[in-house]
Amino acid sequence: MMNSILSKFLNEFNSSRSYTENYTGDNMSKDEALKILGLNPEASQNEINKAYQNLMKLVHPDKGGSEYFAQKLNAARDRLLKSVERIMRDVNYGWLIRYTHAVGASLFFMVVYVHIMRGLYYGSYKRPREMVWFIGIFIFFAMMATAFMGYVLPWGQMSFWGATVITNLFSAIPLVGNKIVIWLWGGFSVDNPTLNRFFALHYLLPFVIIALVMLHVIALHRFGSGNPSGVEVKSDKDTIPLYPYYIVKDCITFGLFFVVLFAFVFYAPNYLGHPDNYIEADSMVTPVHIVPEWYFLPFYAMLRSIPDKLTGVLTMFASILVWFLLPWLDKSKVKSGTHRPVFKKFFWVFAINFALLAWLGGQEVKEPYITMKEFKPSPNKKMDWKFDGITGSFDRESIQRGYKVYKEVCAACHSMNRIAFRNLQDVGFSEEDIKQIAASYQVKDGPNDLGEMFDRPGIPSDYFIAPFDTKEAAAASNNGAIPPDLSLIIKARHDGANYVYSLLTGYQNGEHDENGLYFNPYFPTGRLAMAPPLSEGMVEYYGARQATVENMAYDVINFLQWAAEPELERRHKLGLKFANVITAMQARSAEL
């Protein structure tokens, strides 16, 4: 009997060839098929299987006798958010690297903005330091490009839609705008080619920044640094030694910078980001409020405040390009703003305006006079969580109960595809318990020697099994709504733990409207497709604790918080150690 794989290959090829325009020849024979596969007529079944699979990988990734090859050849974009979470969870101190990188970028811009403001106030753009100023502007442009491309790479909702909005700005350029956008995308939408080039540029542009910084320093040393007085140095008598003044001052400044940096990294790593970026990018779901990172907000405010697209783009870029004209626009011979009363007032107007634009850029786009007619969700209930605060830790008994609630209630609709069974060991489950839990599930694996998938009992290294195979199946079973994955739900919602707790305990009654939606005052629109998930006693608790709705919600929130931030305890402890080190270093610097 002909090999099943070879038979499948012949059927697929002949079927596809029969639809080829003007084809009138005979179907492929077995010998022809073997020749295409690079095999001789005496090839074994295993040789045919492997040759067929290799061919399918190259020319027909959606075939091959199984879904395996399609999964292997999925676009990189489908794995980006998962790879970031894998670094956070499975790489030693991967969370520290990732959070330091993200928060460091924000503080880098904060320091640069302070540096620019200081340069404006003390006239650093004036002769003879024009070249220092110009190179600094190029550094700022390179920083903006690097930061924007890096923000896209995690491939969350805000990443995708931010990239779509910002790259579309170039379409405002007459005649060639659309071609520039397609060139930037590498196609007709933000997709895998876009990410490939953004990743390459995000890696390479820092080297450009380093080169520009070197030129910046060289240009600075040509005429020396300016000073707050605005008076040029005439001799060495007008200067002070590098040590101890500058060394000690810089040590203290660096110490304060690292205190702020690691205060965010260890205790509020997601404060400067947006929760929606923990939701995987979906081109079919537009976020209610698209915003860039905070350091782009002033320019974003200019862009969206002007109805005409081209005018908005020109205004945004002109607000930076005008810096090149400052050496000629400011004709005053006095450099320092300290000795220029009128300039000083306008400088602070400029600084306040910049801060105001940043605030406006982060606000929702809505008319203030119609908000009273809109539904406003109730303020979230404020709970006392053990994991809050600088010494926060996990309540492992509560987490174990929360896992029971998730398994018996939430898992019927919601996946948690970032969590492996082996991770349960962190919250007190024994190795034997984990093996039993994993073995109670059937996992699709493969392919086998025939190129087919098969089912097997789960093992500890497997990830939690999703309740639905496809999004369509999930929507069909949930009143048209796709239940979100719960792995990152706490980080993917504003005031995460309090919001989810309020939502679970906030149903007014179990009745739905004519559209099948249930009223909940804590949901942003007031109505949602999810029925009240918890009811008294639906999960069996052991011991004195009662399985009330509030207790079950409290426990499952503890479980979800651990799932979203399993490194939380280590992060808090490391933060305290770092604080002690910085305190000692600052004390030593003060002594000098």
Protein backbone atom coordinates (compact mmCIF):
# COMPACT_ATOMS: atom_id res chain seq x y z
CA MET A 1 0.00 0.00 0.00
CA MET A 2 1.29 3.45 -0.87
CA ASN A 3 2.78 5.39 2.05
CA SER A 4 0.10 7.66 3.62
CA ILE A 5 2.34 10.73 3.55
CA LEU A 6 3.25 10.19 -0.09
CA SER A 7 -0.40 9.64 -0.93
CA LYS A 8 -1.30 12.91 0.80
CA PHE A 9 1.42 14.72 -1.15
CA LEU A 10 0.17 13.35 -4.46
CA ASN A 11 -3.43 14.27 -3.69
CA GLU A 12 -2.54 17.83 -2.66
CA PHE A 13 -0.28 18.41 -5.64
CA ASN A 14 -2.69 16.96 -8.18
CA SER A 15 -5.61 18.83 -6.65
CA SER A 16 -3.78 22.16 -6.78
CA ARG A 17 -2.45 21.50 -10.30
CA SER A 18 -5.92 20.71 -11.62
CA TYR A 19 -6.90 24.32 -10.87
CA THR A 20 -3.91 25.73 -12.72
CA GLU A 21 -4.96 27.76 -15.73
CA ASN A 22 -4.76 25.88 -19.06
CA TYR A 23 -3.44 22.68 -17.42
CA THR A 24 -4.43 19.59 -19.40
CA GLY A 25 -1.72 17.05 -18.49
CA ASP A 26 -1.86 13.89 -16.43
CA ASN A 27 -1.61 13.78 -12.66
CA MET A 28 1.73 13.18 -10.99
CA SER A 29 2.81 9.61 -10.50
CA LYS A 30 4.45 8.09 -7.46
CA ASP A 31 7.85 8.00 -9.18
CA GLU A 32 7.54 11.69 -10.11
CA ALA A 33 6.67 12.53 -6.52
CA LEU A 34 9.71 10.67 -5.21
CA LYS A 35 11.90 12.47 -7.72
CA ILE A 36 10.61 15.86 -6.56
CA LEU A 37 11.27 14.84 -2.98
CA GLY A 38 14.84 13.97 -3.96
CA LEU A 39 14.42 10.28 -3.18
CA ASN A 40 14.94 7.04 -5.08
CA PRO A 41 12.12 4.46 -5.58
CA GLU A 42 13.53 2.31 -2.77
CA ALA A 43 13.24 5.07 -0.14
CA SER A 44 11.99 4.00 3.29
CA GLN A 45 8.86 5.32 4.91
CA ASN A 46 10.86 7.46 7.39
CA GLU A 47 12.90 8.99 4.56
CA ILE A 48 9.70 9.90 2.71
CA ASN A 49 8.19 11.40 5.87
CA LYS A 50 11.21 13.61 6.56
CA ALA A 51 11.61 14.73 2.94
CA TYR A 52 7.91 15.60 2.73
CA GLN A 53 8.00 17.56 5.99
CA ASN A 54 11.08 19.52 4.92
CA LEU A 55 9.42 20.39 1.61
CA MET A 56 6.24 21.51 3.35
CA LYS A 57 8.22 23.79 5.65
CA LEU A 58 9.66 25.60 2.65
CA VAL A 59 6.80 25.85 0.18
CA HIS A 60 3.55 25.16 1.97
CA PRO A 61 3.73 25.93 5.70
CA ASP A 62 -0.02 25.59 6.23
CA LYS A 63 0.07 21.92 5.09
CA GLY A 64 2.20 18.97 6.01
CA GLY A 65 -0.22 16.56 7.62
CA SER A 66 -0.44 18.65 10.83
CA GLU A 67 -0.54 22.15 12.28
CA TYR A 68 3.03 21.82 13.52
CA PHE A 69 4.78 23.49 10.61
CA ALA A 70 2.35 26.39 10.46
CA GLN A 71 3.02 26.98 14.15
CA LYS A 72 6.78 26.78 13.61
CA LEU A 73 6.66 29.29 10.78
CA ASN A 74 4.30 31.78 12.42
CA ALA A 75 5.32 35.38 11.95
CA ALA A 76 7.66 36.73 14.61
CA ARG A 77 5.00 39.21 15.67
CA ASP A 78 2.88 36.39 17.08
CA ARG A 79 5.68 35.49 19.48
CA LEU A 80 6.92 38.91 20.56
CA LEU A 81 4.84 39.48 23.69
CA LYS A 82 5.33 35.84 24.65
CA SER A 83 9.10 36.15 24.26
CA VAL A 84 9.16 39.26 26.46
CA GLU A 85 7.22 37.42 29.14
CA ARG A 86 9.51 34.40 28.76
CA ILE A 87 12.49 36.66 29.49
CA MET A 88 10.66 38.13 32.48
CA ARG A 89 9.72 34.76 33.95
CA ASP A 90 12.33 32.19 32.92
CA VAL A 91 15.62 34.09 32.56
CA ASN A 92 17.54 34.72 35.79
CA TYR A 93 16.83 38.35 36.69
CA GLY A 94 15.24 38.82 33.28
CA TRP A 95 12.60 40.99 34.96
CA LEU A 96 15.38 43.26 36.27
CA ILE A 97 16.92 43.64 32.81
CA ARG A 98 13.59 44.33 31.16
CA TYR A 99 12.30 46.79 33.78
CA THR A 100 15.65 48.61 33.97
CA HIS A 101 15.64 48.94 30.19
CA ALA A 102 12.08 50.29 30.07
CA VAL A 103 12.29 52.61 33.09
CA GLY A 104 15.82 53.65 32.13
CA ALA A 105 14.54 54.92 28.79
CA SER A 106 11.98 57.10 30.56
CA LEU A 107 14.51 58.54 32.98
CA PHE A 108 17.00 59.05 30.13
CA PHE A 109 14.45 61.34 28.48
CA MET A 110 13.74 63.01 31.82
CA VAL A 111 17.42 63.85 32.26
CA VAL A 112 17.72 65.02 28.63
CA TYR A 113 14.68 67.29 28.98
CA VAL A 114 16.22 68.85 32.10
CA HIS A 115 19.51 69.24 30.19
CA ILE A 116 17.73 70.95 27.27
CA MET A 117 15.84 73.29 29.61
CA ARG A 118 19.08 74.17 31.36
CA GLY A 119 20.74 74.85 28.01
CA LEU A 120 17.88 77.13 26.99
CA TYR A 121 17.91 79.01 30.29
CA TYR A 122 21.67 79.60 30.36
CA GLY A 123 22.04 80.36 26.63
CA SER A 124 24.12 77.30 25.70
CA TYR A 125 23.04 77.71 22.07
CA LYS A 126 24.82 81.06 21.74
CA ARG A 127 28.14 81.70 20.10
CA PRO A 128 30.67 80.10 20.19
CA ARG A 129 28.83 76.87 21.11
CA GLU A 130 26.34 76.66 18.24
CA MET A 131 27.82 73.36 17.01
CA VAL A 132 27.41 71.80 20.47
CA TRP A 133 23.74 72.81 20.38
CA PHE A 134 23.15 71.48 16.84
CA ILE A 135 24.71 68.10 17.60
CA GLY A 136 22.57 67.93 20.73
CA ILE A 137 19.43 68.35 18.60
CA PHE A 138 20.53 65.47 16.36
CA ILE A 139 21.07 63.36 19.48
CA PHE A 140 17.51 64.15 20.55
CA PHE A 141 16.13 63.10 17.15
CA ALA A 142 18.10 59.84 17.31
CA MET A 143 16.79 59.22 20.84
CA MET A 144 13.21 59.75 19.72
CA ALA A 145 13.61 57.32 16.82
CA THR A 146 15.27 54.70 19.00
CA ALA A 147 12.64 55.01 21.72
CA PHE A 148 9.74 54.84 19.27
CA MET A 149 11.05 51.71 17.58
CA GLY A 150 11.76 50.08 20.92
CA TYR A 151 8.24 50.85 22.13
CA VAL A 152 6.81 48.95 19.16
CA LEU A 153 8.79 45.75 19.75
CA PRO A 154 6.87 44.25 22.73
CA TRP A 155 3.87 44.12 20.36
CA GLY A 156 1.17 45.04 22.83
CA GLN A 157 -1.97 46.94 21.88
CA MET A 158 -0.41 50.35 22.47
CA SER A 159 2.74 49.31 20.59
CA PHE A 160 0.82 48.26 17.49
CA TRP A 161 -1.58 51.19 17.37
CA GLY A 162 1.11 53.69 18.30
CA ALA A 163 3.23 52.43 15.41
CA THR A 164 0.23 52.58 13.07
CA VAL A 165 -0.64 56.16 14.04
CA ILE A 166 2.90 57.56 14.05
CA THR A 167 4.07 55.94 10.81
CA ASN A 168 0.88 57.11 9.11
CA LEU A 169 1.96 60.68 9.79
CA PHE A 170 4.24 60.48 6.76
CA SER A 171 1.21 59.91 4.55
CA ALA A 172 0.47 63.62 5.03
CA ILE A 173 3.45 64.47 2.80
CA PRO A 174 2.08 65.37 -0.64
CA LEU A 175 2.79 63.04 -3.61
CA VAL A 176 5.24 60.66 -1.89
CA GLY A 177 3.66 60.28 1.57
CA ASN A 178 1.91 56.95 0.99
CA LYS A 179 4.98 55.47 -0.65
CA ILE A 180 7.09 56.46 2.36
CA VAL A 181 4.60 54.77 4.70
CA ILE A 182 4.65 51.53 2.66
CA TRP A 183 8.45 51.68 2.61
CA LEU A 184 8.55 52.11 6.41
CA TRP A 185 6.11 49.24 6.91
CA GLY A 186 7.75 46.95 4.38
CA GLY A 187 4.21 46.15 3.22
CA PHE A 188 0.70 47.49 3.47
CA SER A 189 0.33 47.45 7.26
CA VAL A 190 2.43 47.30 10.42
CA ASP A 191 3.46 43.65 10.39
CA ASN A 192 6.40 41.28 10.50
CA PRO A 193 8.61 43.19 7.98
CA THR A 194 8.04 46.38 9.99
CA LEU A 195 9.13 44.66 13.18
CA ASN A 196 12.23 43.20 11.53
CA ARG A 197 13.50 46.59 10.43
CA PHE A 198 12.43 48.30 13.66
CA PHE A 199 14.34 45.71 15.68
CA ALA A 200 17.46 46.18 13.55
CA LEU A 201 17.27 49.97 13.81
CA HIS A 202 16.53 49.87 17.55
CA TYR A 203 19.74 47.90 17.97
CA LEU A 204 21.86 50.02 15.59
CA LEU A 205 20.72 53.56 16.43
CA PRO A 206 22.31 53.53 19.92
CA PHE A 207 25.68 53.25 18.17
CA VAL A 208 24.74 56.35 16.18
CA ILE A 209 23.82 58.07 19.45
CA ILE A 210 27.20 57.11 20.95
CA ALA A 211 28.98 58.57 17.91
CA LEU A 212 26.94 61.79 18.18
CA VAL A 213 27.67 62.04 21.90
CA MET A 214 31.38 61.75 21.16
CA LEU A 215 31.08 64.59 18.63
CA HIS A 216 29.03 66.52 21.19
CA VAL A 217 31.83 66.19 23.77
CA ILE A 218 34.53 67.06 21.22
CA ALA A 219 32.64 70.19 20.20
CA LEU A 220 32.14 71.07 23.86
CA HIS A 221 35.86 70.82 24.60
CA ARG A 222 36.64 73.11 21.68
CA PHE A 223 35.41 76.13 23.67
CA GLY A 224 34.75 74.64 27.10
CA SER A 225 31.59 74.49 29.13
CA GLY A 226 29.34 77.41 29.76
CA ASN A 227 28.34 78.44 33.28
CA PRO A 228 25.26 79.88 35.02
CA SER A 229 26.75 83.37 35.18
CA GLY A 230 27.09 83.53 31.40
CA VAL A 231 30.57 85.05 31.72
CA GLU A 232 33.26 83.40 29.61
CA VAL A 233 36.33 81.95 31.33
CA LYS A 234 39.39 84.18 30.82
CA SER A 235 42.07 82.19 32.70
CA ASP A 236 42.59 79.20 34.98
CA LYS A 237 41.82 81.48 37.93
CA ASP A 238 38.19 81.53 36.75
CA THR A 239 37.91 77.72 36.98
CA ILE A 240 37.69 75.16 39.78
CA PRO A 241 39.43 71.76 39.91
CA LEU A 242 37.70 68.58 38.72
CA TYR A 243 38.35 66.97 42.10
CA PRO A 244 36.77 67.19 44.57
CA TYR A 245 34.01 69.54 43.39
CA TYR A 246 32.81 67.93 40.16
CA ILE A 247 33.60 64.37 41.21
CA VAL A 248 31.64 64.64 44.46
CA LYS A 249 28.80 66.58 42.82
CA ASP A 250 28.48 63.97 40.08
CA CYS A 251 28.61 61.10 42.58
CA ILE A 252 25.71 62.61 44.50
CA THR A 253 23.80 63.30 41.29
CA PHE A 254 24.36 59.78 40.02
CA GLY A 255 23.27 58.43 43.39
CA LEU A 256 20.02 60.42 43.30
CA PHE A 257 19.40 59.30 39.70
CA PHE A 258 19.81 55.64 40.62
CA VAL A 259 17.56 56.08 43.64
CA VAL A 260 14.77 57.35 41.38
CA LEU A 261 15.51 54.74 38.70
CA PHE A 262 15.43 51.75 40.99
CA ALA A 263 12.56 53.09 43.07
CA PHE A 264 10.52 52.68 39.88
CA VAL A 265 12.21 49.40 38.86
CA PHE A 266 11.68 47.68 42.22
CA TYR A 267 8.39 49.17 43.39
CA ALA A 268 6.50 50.70 40.45
CA PRO A 269 7.96 49.22 37.25
CA ASN A 270 4.79 49.70 35.21
CA TYR A 271 3.86 53.15 36.48
CA LEU A 272 5.35 55.01 33.50
CA GLY A 273 3.90 52.58 30.94
CA HIS A 274 0.38 51.82 29.77
CA PRO A 275 -1.63 48.77 30.90
CA ASP A 276 -2.89 48.15 27.36
CA ASN A 277 0.62 47.19 26.32
CA TYR A 278 0.22 43.97 28.29
CA ILE A 279 -2.60 43.04 25.92
CA GLU A 280 -1.39 41.28 22.79
CA ALA A 281 -1.66 43.41 19.64
CA ASP A 282 -4.92 42.98 17.76
CA SER A 283 -5.50 44.86 14.52
CA MET A 284 -9.26 44.27 14.86
CA VAL A 285 -9.61 45.92 18.29
CA THR A 286 -8.73 49.60 18.59
CA PRO A 287 -7.92 50.84 22.12
CA VAL A 288 -10.31 53.43 23.49
CA HIS A 289 -7.43 55.81 24.08
CA ILE A 290 -4.23 55.62 22.02
CA VAL A 291 -1.30 57.35 23.70
CA PRO A 292 2.48 57.17 23.21
CA GLU A 293 5.03 57.07 26.01
CA TRP A 294 4.97 60.10 28.30
CA TYR A 295 8.06 61.71 26.75
CA PHE A 296 6.26 62.02 23.39
CA LEU A 297 3.07 63.47 24.85
CA PRO A 298 3.80 67.21 24.24
CA PHE A 299 4.37 66.55 20.53
CA TYR A 300 1.39 64.18 20.37
CA ALA A 301 -0.81 66.92 21.87
CA MET A 302 0.23 69.32 19.08
CA LEU A 303 -0.49 66.69 16.47
CA ARG A 304 -4.00 65.82 17.54
CA SER A 305 -5.08 69.36 18.45
CA ILE A 306 -4.86 70.48 14.81
CA PRO A 307 -7.63 69.08 12.55
CA ASP A 308 -5.59 69.23 9.34
CA LYS A 309 -3.21 66.29 9.25
CA LEU A 310 -0.42 67.94 7.24
CA THR A 311 -0.52 71.10 9.36
CA GLY A 312 -0.40 69.02 12.54
CA VAL A 313 2.63 67.06 11.33
CA LEU A 314 4.43 70.23 10.25
CA THR A 315 3.70 71.88 13.61
CA MET A 316 4.99 68.89 15.53
CA PHE A 317 8.29 68.70 13.64
CA ALA A 318 8.68 72.48 13.48
CA SER A 319 8.48 72.65 17.28
CA ILE A 320 11.84 70.84 17.36
CA LEU A 321 13.42 72.17 14.17
CA VAL A 322 12.98 75.74 15.40
CA TRP A 323 15.71 74.96 17.95
CA PHE A 324 18.21 75.18 15.08
CA LEU A 325 17.28 78.85 14.63
CA LEU A 326 17.77 79.89 18.26
CA PRO A 327 21.39 81.11 17.81
CA TRP A 328 20.08 83.66 15.31
CA LEU A 329 16.66 84.39 16.79
CA ASP A 330 18.10 85.31 20.19
CA LYS A 331 20.29 88.35 19.53
CA SER A 332 20.87 89.35 23.14
CA LYS A 333 24.52 89.58 24.14
CA VAL A 334 23.66 88.40 27.66
CA LYS A 335 23.71 84.62 27.76
CA SER A 336 22.34 83.60 31.12
CA GLY A 337 18.63 83.86 31.83
CA THR A 338 19.57 84.81 35.39
CA HIS A 339 20.35 88.37 34.18
CA ARG A 340 17.44 88.66 31.71
CA PRO A 341 14.18 89.40 33.58
CA VAL A 342 11.86 89.38 30.55
CA PHE A 343 13.49 86.28 29.06
CA LYS A 344 13.17 84.53 32.43
CA LYS A 345 9.40 85.08 32.50
CA PHE A 346 8.93 83.78 28.96
CA PHE A 347 11.17 80.80 29.73
CA TRP A 348 8.90 79.72 32.58
CA VAL A 349 5.85 80.27 30.38
CA PHE A 350 7.50 77.94 27.87
CA ALA A 351 8.28 75.32 30.56
CA ILE A 352 4.73 75.43 31.93
CA ASN A 353 3.32 75.21 28.41
CA PHE A 354 5.49 72.15 27.73
CA ALA A 355 4.21 70.46 30.90
CA LEU A 356 0.62 71.43 30.02
CA LEU A 357 0.98 69.91 26.55
CA ALA A 358 2.33 66.72 28.10
CA TRP A 359 -0.72 66.56 30.37
CA LEU A 360 -3.14 67.29 27.53
CA GLY A 361 -1.50 64.67 25.33
CA GLY A 362 -2.34 62.00 27.88
CA GLN A 363 -6.00 62.93 28.26
CA GLU A 364 -8.88 61.21 26.50
CA VAL A 365 -10.29 62.87 23.40
CA LYS A 366 -13.77 63.91 24.44
CA GLU A 367 -15.67 67.13 24.66
CA PRO A 368 -15.98 68.29 28.26
CA TYR A 369 -19.60 69.27 27.82
CA ILE A 370 -20.92 65.80 26.94
CA THR A 371 -19.17 63.80 29.63
CA MET A 372 -22.10 64.25 32.02
CA LYS A 373 -24.25 62.24 29.60
CA GLU A 374 -21.78 59.37 29.44
CA PHE A 375 -21.67 56.41 31.80
CA LYS A 376 -19.00 56.84 34.43
CA PRO A 377 -17.84 53.65 36.16
CA SER A 378 -17.89 53.59 39.94
CA PRO A 379 -14.54 54.11 41.72
CA ASN A 380 -12.82 50.81 42.40
CA LYS A 381 -13.06 49.27 45.84
CA LYS A 382 -9.81 49.78 47.72
CA MET A 383 -8.61 46.57 49.33
CA ASP A 384 -5.74 45.90 51.72
CA TRP A 385 -3.52 43.56 49.73
CA LYS A 386 -0.59 41.82 51.35
CA PHE A 387 1.49 42.22 48.18
CA ASP A 388 1.22 46.04 48.25
CA GLY A 389 3.94 48.32 49.59
CA ILE A 390 7.72 48.16 49.61
CA THR A 391 7.71 45.10 51.86
CA GLY A 392 4.77 43.43 50.11
CA SER A 393 4.78 39.63 49.81
CA PHE A 394 2.49 36.84 48.65
CA ASP A 395 -0.10 35.08 50.76
CA ARG A 396 0.57 31.55 49.51
CA GLU A 397 -2.43 29.96 51.19
CA SER A 398 -4.66 32.51 49.50
CA ILE A 399 -2.91 31.92 46.17
CA GLN A 400 -3.53 28.16 46.45
CA ARG A 401 -7.20 28.79 47.13
CA GLY A 402 -7.22 31.26 44.26
CA TYR A 403 -5.82 28.62 41.91
CA LYS A 404 -8.67 26.33 42.97
CA VAL A 405 -11.19 29.09 42.12
CA TYR A 406 -9.50 29.68 38.76
CA LYS A 407 -9.39 25.97 37.93
CA GLU A 408 -13.01 25.27 38.88
CA VAL A 409 -14.59 28.51 37.70
CA CYS A 410 -12.49 30.81 35.52
CA ALA A 411 -10.69 28.13 33.48
CA ALA A 412 -13.94 27.21 31.76
CA CYS A 413 -13.61 30.39 29.68
CA HIS A 414 -10.25 32.07 30.35
CA SER A 415 -6.80 30.84 29.37
CA MET A 416 -3.53 31.51 31.22
CA ASN A 417 -1.01 30.65 28.54
CA ARG A 418 1.96 32.33 30.27
CA ILE A 419 1.86 30.00 33.27
CA ALA A 420 3.35 26.49 33.32
CA PHE A 421 2.28 23.81 35.79
CA ARG A 422 5.82 23.74 37.18
CA ASN A 423 5.42 27.39 38.24
CA LEU A 424 2.92 26.29 40.89
CA GLN A 425 5.86 25.07 42.96
CA ASP A 426 6.61 28.72 43.75
CA VAL A 427 3.35 29.01 45.71
CA GLY A 428 3.66 25.87 47.80
CA PHE A 429 2.44 23.00 45.65
CA SER A 430 4.58 19.87 45.98
CA GLU A 431 6.24 18.15 43.04
CA GLU A 432 3.80 15.25 43.27
CA ASP A 433 0.81 17.60 43.39
CA ILE A 434 2.03 19.37 40.26
CA LYS A 435 2.52 16.09 38.40
CA GLN A 436 -1.02 15.02 39.28
CA ILE A 437 -2.47 18.39 38.27
CA ALA A 438 -0.63 18.34 34.93
CA ALA A 439 -1.52 14.71 34.19
CA SER A 440 -5.22 15.49 34.59
CA TYR A 441 -5.07 17.40 31.28
CA GLN A 442 -4.62 16.16 27.72
CA VAL A 443 -2.00 18.06 25.72
CA LYS A 444 -1.70 18.16 21.93
CA ASP A 445 1.85 17.30 20.90
CA GLY A 446 3.79 16.13 17.87
CA PRO A 447 4.33 15.57 15.12
CA ASN A 448 5.00 11.87 15.25
CA ASP A 449 6.80 9.88 12.55
CA LEU A 450 3.73 10.25 10.33
CA GLY A 451 3.74 14.02 10.67
CA GLU A 452 0.55 13.94 12.74
CA MET A 453 -0.33 15.53 16.05
CA PHE A 454 -1.39 13.38 19.00
CA ASP A 455 -2.72 13.78 22.53
CA ARG A 456 -0.79 12.86 25.68
CA PRO A 457 -1.11 13.46 29.45
CA GLY A 458 0.29 16.77 30.63
CA ILE A 459 3.66 17.11 32.32
CA PRO A 460 4.93 19.86 34.70
CA SER A 461 6.73 21.75 31.91
CA ASP A 462 3.49 22.17 29.93
CA TYR A 463 1.63 25.45 30.09
CA PHE A 464 -1.95 25.76 31.33
CA ILE A 465 -4.35 24.34 28.78
CA ALA A 466 -6.63 26.86 27.04
CA PRO A 467 -10.37 26.09 27.18
CA PHE A 468 -10.86 26.85 23.46
CA ASP A 469 -8.80 25.97 20.42
CA THR A 470 -9.63 29.16 18.51
CA LYS A 471 -10.84 32.69 19.19
CA GLU A 472 -13.92 31.96 17.09
CA ALA A 473 -14.85 29.06 19.34
CA ALA A 474 -14.33 31.24 22.42
CA ALA A 475 -16.55 34.00 21.02
CA ALA A 476 -19.27 31.55 20.01
CA SER A 477 -19.46 30.23 23.57
CA ASN A 478 -19.41 33.65 25.28
CA ASN A 479 -22.11 35.78 23.72
CA GLY A 480 -19.78 36.99 20.96
CA ALA A 481 -17.06 38.22 23.35
CA ILE A 482 -13.59 36.65 23.52
CA PRO A 483 -12.58 36.08 27.18
CA PRO A 484 -9.15 37.65 27.78
CA ASP A 485 -6.16 35.61 28.83
CA LEU A 486 -5.68 36.09 32.58
CA SER A 487 -1.90 35.68 32.80
CA LEU A 488 -1.30 39.45 32.74
CA ILE A 489 -4.77 40.75 33.50
CA ILE A 490 -3.66 42.52 36.69
CA LYS A 491 -0.98 44.46 34.80
CA ALA A 492 -3.23 45.00 31.79
CA ARG A 493 -5.85 47.03 33.69
CA HIS A 494 -5.61 50.36 35.48
CA ASP A 495 -5.55 49.81 39.26
CA GLY A 496 -5.38 46.13 38.34
CA ALA A 497 -6.06 44.19 41.56
CA ASN A 498 -8.69 46.60 42.89
CA TYR A 499 -10.40 46.84 39.49
CA VAL A 500 -10.68 43.08 38.95
CA TYR A 501 -11.86 42.54 42.54
CA SER A 502 -14.48 45.27 42.13
CA LEU A 503 -15.63 43.75 38.85
CA LEU A 504 -15.99 40.23 40.30
CA THR A 505 -17.94 41.45 43.33
CA GLY A 506 -19.82 44.30 41.65
CA TYR A 507 -22.69 42.61 39.81
CA GLN A 508 -25.96 44.18 40.91
CA ASN A 509 -28.05 41.15 40.00
CA GLY A 510 -27.85 38.11 37.77
CA GLU A 511 -30.22 39.44 35.12
CA HIS A 512 -29.15 40.49 31.65
CA ASP A 513 -30.66 42.92 29.17
CA GLU A 514 -32.20 42.16 25.79
CA ASN A 515 -28.70 41.96 24.27
CA GLY A 516 -27.51 39.39 26.78
CA LEU A 517 -25.32 41.91 28.63
CA TYR A 518 -25.01 42.09 32.43
CA PHE A 519 -24.88 45.35 34.38
CA ASN A 520 -21.76 46.01 36.45
CA PRO A 521 -21.03 49.57 37.63
CA TYR A 522 -17.25 48.93 37.68
CA PHE A 523 -16.99 47.95 34.01
CA PRO A 524 -16.02 50.93 31.78
CA THR A 525 -19.26 50.78 29.75
CA GLY A 526 -21.44 49.50 32.57
CA ARG A 527 -22.46 46.32 30.75
CA LEU A 528 -20.48 43.24 29.78
CA ALA A 529 -21.07 39.84 28.23
CA MET A 530 -19.62 37.88 31.18
CA ALA A 531 -22.30 36.58 33.54
CA PRO A 532 -21.63 36.83 37.29
CA PRO A 533 -18.86 34.24 37.61
CA LEU A 534 -18.97 33.68 41.37
CA SER A 535 -21.76 32.61 43.69
CA GLU A 536 -21.84 31.57 47.33
CA GLY A 537 -20.31 28.17 48.01
CA MET A 538 -19.61 27.24 44.37
CA VAL A 539 -16.03 26.23 45.30
CA GLU A 540 -15.36 23.92 48.23
CA TYR A 541 -13.03 25.53 50.77
CA TYR A 542 -11.27 23.56 53.48
CA GLY A 543 -10.92 24.85 57.01
CA ALA A 544 -12.77 27.73 58.64
CA ARG A 545 -12.69 30.11 55.64
CA GLN A 546 -16.07 30.44 53.96
CA ALA A 547 -16.44 30.34 50.17
CA THR A 548 -18.25 33.68 49.92
CA VAL A 549 -18.13 35.74 46.73
CA GLU A 550 -15.85 38.27 48.43
CA ASN A 551 -13.46 35.61 49.77
CA MET A 552 -13.26 33.77 46.45
CA ALA A 553 -12.65 37.04 44.60
CA TYR A 554 -9.95 38.01 47.11
CA ASP A 555 -8.19 34.66 46.71
CA VAL A 556 -8.33 34.56 42.93
CA ILE A 557 -6.94 38.12 42.79
CA ASN A 558 -3.97 36.98 44.89
CA PHE A 559 -3.46 34.14 42.42
CA LEU A 560 -3.71 36.46 39.40
CA GLN A 561 -1.31 38.96 40.99
CA TRP A 562 1.25 36.19 41.45
CA ALA A 563 0.66 35.04 37.87
CA ALA A 564 1.25 38.56 36.52
CA GLU A 565 4.30 39.36 38.67
CA PRO A 566 5.87 36.16 40.03
CA GLU A 567 9.10 38.07 40.70
CA LEU A 568 7.41 40.59 43.03
CA GLU A 569 8.90 39.33 46.29
CA ARG A 570 12.43 39.10 44.90
CA ARG A 571 12.04 42.54 43.38
CA HIS A 572 10.99 44.10 46.70
CA LYS A 573 13.79 42.41 48.66
CA LEU A 574 16.42 43.43 46.12
CA GLY A 575 15.10 46.99 46.26
CA LEU A 576 15.70 47.18 50.01
CA LYS A 577 19.25 45.87 49.60
CA PHE A 578 19.91 48.42 46.87
CA ALA A 579 18.56 51.22 49.08
CA ASN A 580 21.07 50.30 51.79
CA VAL A 581 23.96 50.33 49.31
CA ILE A 582 22.96 53.71 47.84
CA THR A 583 22.52 55.21 51.30
CA ALA A 584 26.05 54.15 52.26
CA MET A 585 27.51 55.52 49.02
CA GLN A 586 25.71 58.85 49.38
CA ALA A 587 26.87 59.17 52.96
CA ARG A 588 30.47 58.60 51.84
CA SER A 589 30.12 61.16 49.03
CA ALA A 590 28.80 63.73 51.51
CA GLU A 591 31.84 63.18 53.72
CA LEU A 592 34.13 64.01 50.81
